[in-house]
C-alpha atoms as a PDB file:
ATOM      1  CA  MET A   1       0.134 -12.088 -18.044  1.00  0.00           C
ATOM      2  CA  ILE A   2       0.971 -13.426 -21.522  1.00  0.00           C
ATOM      3  CA  LEU A   3       0.091 -10.147 -23.255  1.00  0.00           C
ATOM      4  CA  TRP A   4       2.083  -8.248 -20.609  1.00  0.00           C
ATOM      5  CA  ALA A   5       5.076 -10.546 -21.170  1.00  0.00           C
ATOM      6  CA  LEU A   6       4.872 -10.005 -24.949  1.00  0.00           C
ATOM      7  CA  GLY A   7       4.647  -6.236 -24.422  1.00  0.00           C
ATOM      8  CA  LEU A   8       7.632  -6.392 -22.078  1.00  0.00           C
ATOM      9  CA  VAL A   9       9.695  -8.304 -24.665  1.00  0.00           C
ATOM     10  CA  SER A  10       8.616  -6.057 -27.560  1.00  0.00           C
ATOM     11  CA  SER A  11       9.485  -2.901 -25.579  1.00  0.00           C
ATOM     12  CA  TYR A  12      12.743  -4.257 -24.139  1.00  0.00           C
ATOM     13  CA  SER A  13      14.357  -0.855 -23.577  1.00  0.00           C
ATOM     14  CA  MET A  14      14.287   1.765 -20.805  1.00  0.00           C
ATOM     15  CA  GLY A  15      10.560   1.103 -20.383  1.00  0.00           C
ATOM     16  CA  GLY A  16      11.257  -2.635 -20.234  1.00  0.00           C
ATOM     17  CA  LEU A  17      13.889  -2.117 -17.558  1.00  0.00           C
ATOM     18  CA  ILE A  18      11.427  -0.035 -15.527  1.00  0.00           C
ATOM     19  CA  HIS A  19       8.826  -2.817 -15.769  1.00  0.00           C
ATOM     20  CA  ILE A  20      11.437  -5.370 -14.657  1.00  0.00           C
ATOM     21  CA  LEU A  21      12.347  -3.209 -11.652  1.00  0.00           C
ATOM     22  CA  LEU A  22       8.654  -2.898 -10.731  1.00  0.00           C
ATOM     23  CA  VAL A  23       8.188  -6.677 -10.995  1.00  0.00           C
ATOM     24  CA  VAL A  24      11.278  -7.307  -8.845  1.00  0.00           C
ATOM     25  CA  ALA A  25       9.985  -4.874  -6.208  1.00  0.00           C
ATOM     26  CA  ILE A  26       6.549  -6.549  -6.185  1.00  0.00           C
ATOM     27  CA  VAL A  27       8.118 -10.018  -5.897  1.00  0.00           C
ATOM     28  CA  MET A  28      10.299  -8.893  -2.982  1.00  0.00           C
ATOM     29  CA  ILE A  29       7.238  -7.460  -1.195  1.00  0.00           C
ATOM     30  CA  LEU A  30       5.275 -10.691  -1.758  1.00  0.00           C
ATOM     31  CA  VAL A  31       8.193 -12.756  -0.413  1.00  0.00           C
ATOM     32  CA  ARG A  32       8.345 -10.591   2.720  1.00  0.00           C
ATOM     33  CA  VAL A  33       4.577 -10.953   3.239  1.00  0.00           C
ATOM     34  CA  ILE A  34       4.748 -14.745   2.800  1.00  0.00           C
ATOM     35  CA  GLN A  35       7.707 -15.036   5.181  1.00  0.00           C
ATOM     36  CA  GLY A  36       5.908 -12.827   7.705  1.00  0.00           C
ATOM     37  CA  ARG A  37       2.826 -15.070   7.564  1.00  0.00           C
ATOM     38  CA  ARG A  38       4.912 -18.229   7.944  1.00  0.00           C
ATOM     39  CA  ILE A  39       6.706 -16.817  10.972  1.00  0.00           C
END
């Protein structure tokens, strides 16, 4: 996680934006799964 964060900061460009979008998508999926389990 730490190395990935450093790589994300060092390559803060188009690639960085793509990584951010992937992380956001994964977080949204996890939130939906957690909410589904709670319900």
